[in-house]
Each structure stands twice: as C-alpha cells, then as structure tokens.
C-alpha cells in the first residue's frame, strides 16, 4: 500500500486544505505554512512533500 492511500494521509490532506482555505488571504498565512513544515519530524520529509503537493492540487494554487 502506498502512503497516499492511507486514511491518515487523506485526513491530513482534508485538514490542511481546509486550513489553507480559511487563512489564505489573512495574516496567518505564514503560520499555516509553517504548521505543515512541522510535520517533517513526525511523518518524514517525503510524506510532507506529497502532502503539500496534494493540498496544492486540491486548492488549485501553490500555497504550501
């Protein structure tokens, strides 16, 4: 099974996509971007790279 097929990946995509939608045009934009970068120590750099790409794809803009 691929990492992108796991349930926690899909939950993370949904969570961080919703965060980006809420704070895309506010002053908390940098804080939101940094929150996804903190996942590197928990899940690994490859996971965060795939998560960022998927969230950007769902948002249809480059946010992360």
PDB file of N, CA and C in Angstrom:
ATOM      1  N   UNK A   1       0.846  -1.171   0.000  1.00  0.00           N
ATOM      2  CA  UNK A   1       0.000   0.000   0.000  1.00  0.00           C
ATOM      3  C   UNK A   1       0.896   1.241   0.000  1.00  0.00           C
ATOM      4  N   UNK A   2       0.496   2.191  -0.765  1.00  0.00           N
ATOM      5  CA  UNK A   2       1.214   3.447  -0.890  1.00  0.00           C
ATOM      6  C   UNK A   2       0.830   4.386   0.267  1.00  0.00           C
ATOM      7  N   UNK A   3       1.729   5.310   0.610  1.00  0.00           N
ATOM      8  CA  UNK A   3       1.466   6.236   1.723  1.00  0.00           C
ATOM      9  C   UNK A   3       0.270   7.129   1.412  1.00  0.00           C
ATOM     10  N   UNK A   4       0.036   7.413   0.141  1.00  0.00           N
ATOM     11  CA  UNK A   4      -1.078   8.294  -0.218  1.00  0.00           C
ATOM     12  C   UNK A   4      -2.421   7.590  -0.148  1.00  0.00           C
ATOM     13  N   UNK A   5      -2.414   6.290   0.063  1.00  0.00           N
ATOM     14  CA  UNK A   5      -3.666   5.532   0.154  1.00  0.00           C
ATOM     15  C   UNK A   5      -4.107   5.306   1.592  1.00  0.00           C
ATOM     16  N   UNK A   6      -3.355   5.789   2.550  1.00  0.00           N
ATOM     17  CA  UNK A   6      -3.701   5.563   3.948  1.00  0.00           C
ATOM     18  C   UNK A   6      -4.732   6.576   4.417  1.00  0.00           C
ATOM     19  N   UNK A   7      -5.437   6.199   5.460  1.00  0.00           N
ATOM     20  CA  UNK A   7      -6.511   7.065   5.954  1.00  0.00           C
ATOM     21  C   UNK A   7      -5.968   8.331   6.604  1.00  0.00           C
ATOM     22  N   UNK A   8      -4.825   8.230   7.302  1.00  0.00           N
ATOM     23  CA  UNK A   8      -4.319   9.446   7.949  1.00  0.00           C
ATOM     24  C   UNK A   8      -3.780  10.437   6.929  1.00  0.00           C
ATOM     25  N   UNK A   9      -3.322   9.972   5.769  1.00  0.00           N
ATOM     26  CA  UNK A   9      -2.902  10.896   4.711  1.00  0.00           C
ATOM     27  C   UNK A   9      -4.110  11.665   4.179  1.00  0.00           C
ATOM     28  N   UNK A  10      -5.197  10.952   3.927  1.00  0.00           N
ATOM     29  CA  UNK A  10      -6.403  11.614   3.430  1.00  0.00           C
ATOM     30  C   UNK A  10      -6.963  12.592   4.460  1.00  0.00           C
ATOM     31  N   UNK A  11      -6.886  12.241   5.730  1.00  0.00           N
ATOM     32  CA  UNK A  11      -7.353  13.146   6.779  1.00  0.00           C
ATOM     33  C   UNK A  11      -6.471  14.385   6.867  1.00  0.00           C
ATOM     34  N   UNK A  12      -5.159  14.196   6.744  1.00  0.00           N
ATOM     35  CA  UNK A  12      -4.243  15.335   6.753  1.00  0.00           C
ATOM     36  C   UNK A  12      -4.476  16.247   5.556  1.00  0.00           C
ATOM     37  N   UNK A  13      -4.710  15.669   4.392  1.00  0.00           N
ATOM     38  CA  UNK A  13      -4.987  16.476   3.202  1.00  0.00           C
ATOM     39  C   UNK A  13      -6.235  17.317   3.426  1.00  0.00           C
ATOM     40  N   UNK A  14      -7.270  16.696   3.938  1.00  0.00           N
ATOM     41  CA  UNK A  14      -8.515  17.419   4.191  1.00  0.00           C
ATOM     42  C   UNK A  14      -8.302  18.536   5.212  1.00  0.00           C
ATOM     43  N   UNK A  15      -7.590  18.228   6.289  1.00  0.00           N
ATOM     44  CA  UNK A  15      -7.353  19.206   7.352  1.00  0.00           C
ATOM     45  C   UNK A  15      -6.545  20.401   6.852  1.00  0.00           C
ATOM     46  N   UNK A  16      -5.417  20.141   6.195  1.00  0.00           N
ATOM     47  CA  UNK A  16      -4.556  21.238   5.760  1.00  0.00           C
ATOM     48  C   UNK A  16      -5.138  22.000   4.576  1.00  0.00           C
ATOM     49  N   UNK A  17      -5.977  21.371   3.781  1.00  0.00           N
ATOM     50  CA  UNK A  17      -6.662  22.087   2.717  1.00  0.00           C
ATOM     51  C   UNK A  17      -7.679  23.062   3.302  1.00  0.00           C
ATOM     52  N   UNK A  18      -8.400  22.613   4.309  1.00  0.00           N
ATOM     53  CA  UNK A  18      -9.366  23.496   4.965  1.00  0.00           C
ATOM     54  C   UNK A  18      -8.660  24.658   5.672  1.00  0.00           C
ATOM     55  N   UNK A  19      -7.529  24.382   6.320  1.00  0.00           N
ATOM     56  CA  UNK A  19      -6.763  25.459   6.952  1.00  0.00           C
ATOM     57  C   UNK A  19      -6.322  26.491   5.927  1.00  0.00           C
ATOM     58  N   UNK A  20      -5.836  26.024   4.804  1.00  0.00           N
ATOM     59  CA  UNK A  20      -5.371  26.945   3.763  1.00  0.00           C
ATOM     60  C   UNK A  20      -6.523  27.770   3.210  1.00  0.00           C
ATOM     61  N   UNK A  21      -7.682  27.164   3.042  1.00  0.00           N
ATOM     62  CA  UNK A  21      -8.842  27.909   2.545  1.00  0.00           C
ATOM     63  C   UNK A  21      -9.247  29.005   3.514  1.00  0.00           C
ATOM     64  N   UNK A  22      -9.171  28.706   4.819  1.00  0.00           N
ATOM     65  CA  UNK A  22      -9.565  29.688   5.818  1.00  0.00           C
ATOM     66  C   UNK A  22      -8.586  30.853   5.911  1.00  0.00           C
ATOM     67  N   UNK A  23      -7.290  30.554   5.854  1.00  0.00           N
ATOM     68  CA  UNK A  23      -6.286  31.577   6.142  1.00  0.00           C
ATOM     69  C   UNK A  23      -5.484  32.019   4.934  1.00  0.00           C
ATOM     70  N   UNK A  24      -5.941  31.719   3.721  1.00  0.00           N
ATOM     71  CA  UNK A  24      -5.170  32.057   2.533  1.00  0.00           C
ATOM     72  C   UNK A  24      -5.006  33.564   2.355  1.00  0.00           C
ATOM     73  N   UNK A  25      -5.991  34.320   2.708  1.00  0.00           N
ATOM     74  CA  UNK A  25      -5.968  35.762   2.469  1.00  0.00           C
ATOM     75  C   UNK A  25      -5.902  36.564   3.762  1.00  0.00           C
ATOM     76  N   UNK A  26      -5.359  35.966   4.816  1.00  0.00           N
ATOM     77  CA  UNK A  26      -5.249  36.683   6.081  1.00  0.00           C
ATOM     78  C   UNK A  26      -3.785  36.788   6.483  1.00  0.00           C
ATOM     79  N   UNK A  27      -3.565  37.321   7.652  1.00  0.00           N
ATOM     80  CA  UNK A  27      -2.197  37.485   8.133  1.00  0.00           C
ATOM     81  C   UNK A  27      -1.625  36.197   8.709  1.00  0.00           C
ATOM     82  N   UNK A  28      -2.448  35.173   8.904  1.00  0.00           N
ATOM     83  CA  UNK A  28      -1.970  33.914   9.463  1.00  0.00           C
ATOM     84  C   UNK A  28      -1.450  32.963   8.386  1.00  0.00           C
ATOM     85  N   UNK A  29      -1.191  33.480   7.196  1.00  0.00           N
ATOM     86  CA  UNK A  29      -0.753  32.657   6.079  1.00  0.00           C
ATOM     87  C   UNK A  29       0.577  31.966   6.367  1.00  0.00           C
ATOM     88  N   UNK A  30       1.546  32.690   6.869  1.00  0.00           N
ATOM     89  CA  UNK A  30       2.864  32.110   7.167  1.00  0.00           C
ATOM     90  C   UNK A  30       2.782  31.083   8.294  1.00  0.00           C
ATOM     91  N   UNK A  31       1.969  31.356   9.283  1.00  0.00           N
ATOM     92  CA  UNK A  31       1.794  30.411  10.384  1.00  0.00           C
ATOM     93  C   UNK A  31       1.201  29.094   9.891  1.00  0.00           C
ATOM     94  N   UNK A  32       0.278  29.193   8.964  1.00  0.00           N
ATOM     95  CA  UNK A  32      -0.336  27.992   8.394  1.00  0.00           C
ATOM     96  C   UNK A  32       0.670  27.206   7.572  1.00  0.00           C
ATOM     97  N   UNK A  33       1.489  27.889   6.812  1.00  0.00           N
ATOM     98  CA  UNK A  33       2.532  27.214   6.036  1.00  0.00           C
ATOM     99  C   UNK A  33       3.542  26.529   6.942  1.00  0.00           C
ATOM    100  N   UNK A  34       3.890  27.178   8.030  1.00  0.00           N
ATOM    101  CA  UNK A  34       4.861  26.586   8.951  1.00  0.00           C
ATOM    102  C   UNK A  34       4.291  25.378   9.682  1.00  0.00           C
ATOM    103  N   UNK A  35       2.993  25.319   9.852  1.00  0.00           N
ATOM    104  CA  UNK A  35       2.393  24.182  10.549  1.00  0.00           C
ATOM    105  C   UNK A  35       2.580  22.889   9.774  1.00  0.00           C
ATOM    106  N   UNK A  36       2.555  22.961   8.472  1.00  0.00           N
ATOM    107  CA  UNK A  36       2.754  21.751   7.679  1.00  0.00           C
ATOM    108  C   UNK A  36       4.234  21.357   7.665  1.00  0.00           C
ATOM    109  N   UNK A  37       5.111  22.335   7.799  1.00  0.00           N
ATOM    110  CA  UNK A  37       6.553  22.027   7.824  1.00  0.00           C
ATOM    111  C   UNK A  37       6.961  21.354   9.130  1.00  0.00           C
ATOM    112  N   UNK A  38       6.182  21.556  10.189  1.00  0.00           N
ATOM    113  CA  UNK A  38       6.489  20.904  11.460  1.00  0.00           C
ATOM    114  C   UNK A  38       6.218  19.407  11.430  1.00  0.00           C
ATOM    115  N   UNK A  39       5.492  18.955  10.430  1.00  0.00           N
ATOM    116  CA  UNK A  39       5.217  17.527  10.293  1.00  0.00           C
ATOM    117  C   UNK A  39       6.443  16.727   9.862  1.00  0.00           C
ATOM    118  N   UNK A  40       7.489  17.389   9.419  1.00  0.00           N
ATOM    119  CA  UNK A  40       8.688  16.686   8.950  1.00  0.00           C
ATOM    120  C   UNK A  40       9.256  15.794  10.045  1.00  0.00           C
ATOM    121  N   UNK A  41       9.288  16.275  11.258  1.00  0.00           N
ATOM    122  CA  UNK A  41       9.838  15.473  12.351  1.00  0.00           C
ATOM    123  C   UNK A  41       8.911  14.326  12.741  1.00  0.00           C
ATOM    124  N   UNK A  42       7.616  14.471  12.485  1.00  0.00           N
ATOM    125  CA  UNK A  42       6.664  13.426  12.847  1.00  0.00           C
ATOM    126  C   UNK A  42       6.497  12.362  11.768  1.00  0.00           C
ATOM    127  N   UNK A  43       6.348  12.788  10.531  1.00  0.00           N
ATOM    128  CA  UNK A  43       5.998  11.853   9.466  1.00  0.00           C
ATOM    129  C   UNK A  43       7.080  11.683   8.406  1.00  0.00           C
ATOM    130  N   UNK A  44       8.056  12.588   8.337  1.00  0.00           N
ATOM    131  CA  UNK A  44       9.124  12.468   7.354  1.00  0.00           C
ATOM    132  C   UNK A  44       8.988  13.480   6.228  1.00  0.00           C
ATOM    133  N   UNK A  45      10.102  13.750   5.589  1.00  0.00           N
ATOM    134  CA  UNK A  45      10.139  14.758   4.533  1.00  0.00           C
ATOM    135  C   UNK A  45       9.372  14.314   3.295  1.00  0.00           C
ATOM    136  N   UNK A  46       9.445  13.037   2.960  1.00  0.00           N
ATOM    137  CA  UNK A  46       8.745  12.534   1.780  1.00  0.00           C
ATOM    138  C   UNK A  46       7.235  12.669   1.949  1.00  0.00           C
ATOM    139  N   UNK A  47       6.750  12.373   3.146  1.00  0.00           N
ATOM    140  CA  UNK A  47       5.319  12.492   3.451  1.00  0.00           C
ATOM    141  C   UNK A  47       4.859  13.937   3.301  1.00  0.00           C
ATOM    142  N   UNK A  48       5.635  14.870   3.847  1.00  0.00           N
ATOM    143  CA  UNK A  48       5.253  16.284   3.803  1.00  0.00           C
ATOM    144  C   UNK A  48       5.288  16.799   2.369  1.00  0.00           C
ATOM    145  N   UNK A  49       6.244  16.336   1.587  1.00  0.00           N
ATOM    146  CA  UNK A  49       6.328  16.746   0.193  1.00  0.00           C
ATOM    147  C   UNK A  49       5.090  16.291  -0.577  1.00  0.00           C
ATOM    148  N   UNK A  50       4.679  15.045  -0.373  1.00  0.00           N
ATOM    149  CA  UNK A  50       3.480  14.531  -1.043  1.00  0.00           C
ATOM    150  C   UNK A  50       2.215  15.220  -0.529  1.00  0.00           C
ATOM    151  N   UNK A  51       2.176  15.490   0.776  1.00  0.00           N
ATOM    152  CA  UNK A  51       1.028  16.173   1.359  1.00  0.00           C
ATOM    153  C   UNK A  51       0.887  17.587   0.808  1.00  0.00           C
ATOM    154  N   UNK A  52       1.994  18.299   0.698  1.00  0.00           N
ATOM    155  CA  UNK A  52       1.964  19.655   0.154  1.00  0.00           C
ATOM    156  C   UNK A  52       1.498  19.653  -1.291  1.00  0.00           C
ATOM    157  N   UNK A  53       1.993  18.709  -2.066  1.00  0.00           N
ATOM    158  CA  UNK A  53       1.592  18.631  -3.467  1.00  0.00           C
ATOM    159  C   UNK A  53       0.106  18.336  -3.603  1.00  0.00           C
ATOM    160  N   UNK A  54      -0.397  17.438  -2.787  1.00  0.00           N
ATOM    161  CA  UNK A  54      -1.818  17.079  -2.854  1.00  0.00           C
ATOM    162  C   UNK A  54      -2.699  18.241  -2.395  1.00  0.00           C
ATOM    163  N   UNK A  55      -2.295  18.938  -1.343  1.00  0.00           N
ATOM    164  CA  UNK A  55      -3.075  20.091  -0.872  1.00  0.00           C
ATOM    165  C   UNK A  55      -3.097  21.199  -1.920  1.00  0.00           C
ATOM    166  N   UNK A  56      -1.943  21.456  -2.542  1.00  0.00           N
ATOM    167  CA  UNK A  56      -1.892  22.468  -3.592  1.00  0.00           C
ATOM    168  C   UNK A  56      -2.762  22.068  -4.773  1.00  0.00           C
ATOM    169  N   UNK A  57      -2.799  20.770  -5.080  1.00  0.00           N
ATOM    170  CA  UNK A  57      -3.638  20.294  -6.164  1.00  0.00           C
ATOM    171  C   UNK A  57      -5.115  20.487  -5.831  1.00  0.00           C
ATOM    172  N   UNK A  58      -5.499  20.217  -4.593  1.00  0.00           N
ATOM    173  CA  UNK A  58      -6.890  20.411  -4.190  1.00  0.00           C
ATOM    174  C   UNK A  58      -7.285  21.876  -4.174  1.00  0.00           C
ATOM    175  N   UNK A  59      -6.338  22.749  -3.809  1.00  0.00           N
ATOM    176  CA  UNK A  59      -6.614  24.185  -3.753  1.00  0.00           C
ATOM    177  C   UNK A  59      -6.536  24.857  -5.117  1.00  0.00           C
ATOM    178  N   UNK A  60      -5.842  24.220  -6.064  1.00  0.00           N
ATOM    179  CA  UNK A  60      -5.609  24.734  -7.402  1.00  0.00           C
ATOM    180  C   UNK A  60      -4.773  26.007  -7.394  1.00  0.00           C
ATOM    181  N   UNK A  61      -3.981  26.184  -6.342  1.00  0.00           N
ATOM    182  CA  UNK A  61      -2.983  27.258  -6.247  1.00  0.00           C
ATOM    183  C   UNK A  61      -1.779  26.696  -5.499  1.00  0.00           C
ATOM    184  N   UNK A  62      -0.638  27.400  -5.604  1.00  0.00           N
ATOM    185  CA  UNK A  62       0.542  26.961  -4.859  1.00  0.00           C
ATOM    186  C   UNK A  62       0.557  27.722  -3.533  1.00  0.00           C
ATOM    187  N   UNK A  63       0.111  27.075  -2.485  1.00  0.00           N
ATOM    188  CA  UNK A  63       0.070  27.683  -1.166  1.00  0.00           C
ATOM    189  C   UNK A  63       1.175  27.162  -0.279  1.00  0.00           C
ATOM    190  N   UNK A  64       1.373  25.848  -0.264  1.00  0.00           N
ATOM    191  CA  UNK A  64       2.395  25.234   0.586  1.00  0.00           C
ATOM    192  C   UNK A  64       3.679  25.032  -0.177  1.00  0.00           C
TER     193      UNK A  64
END
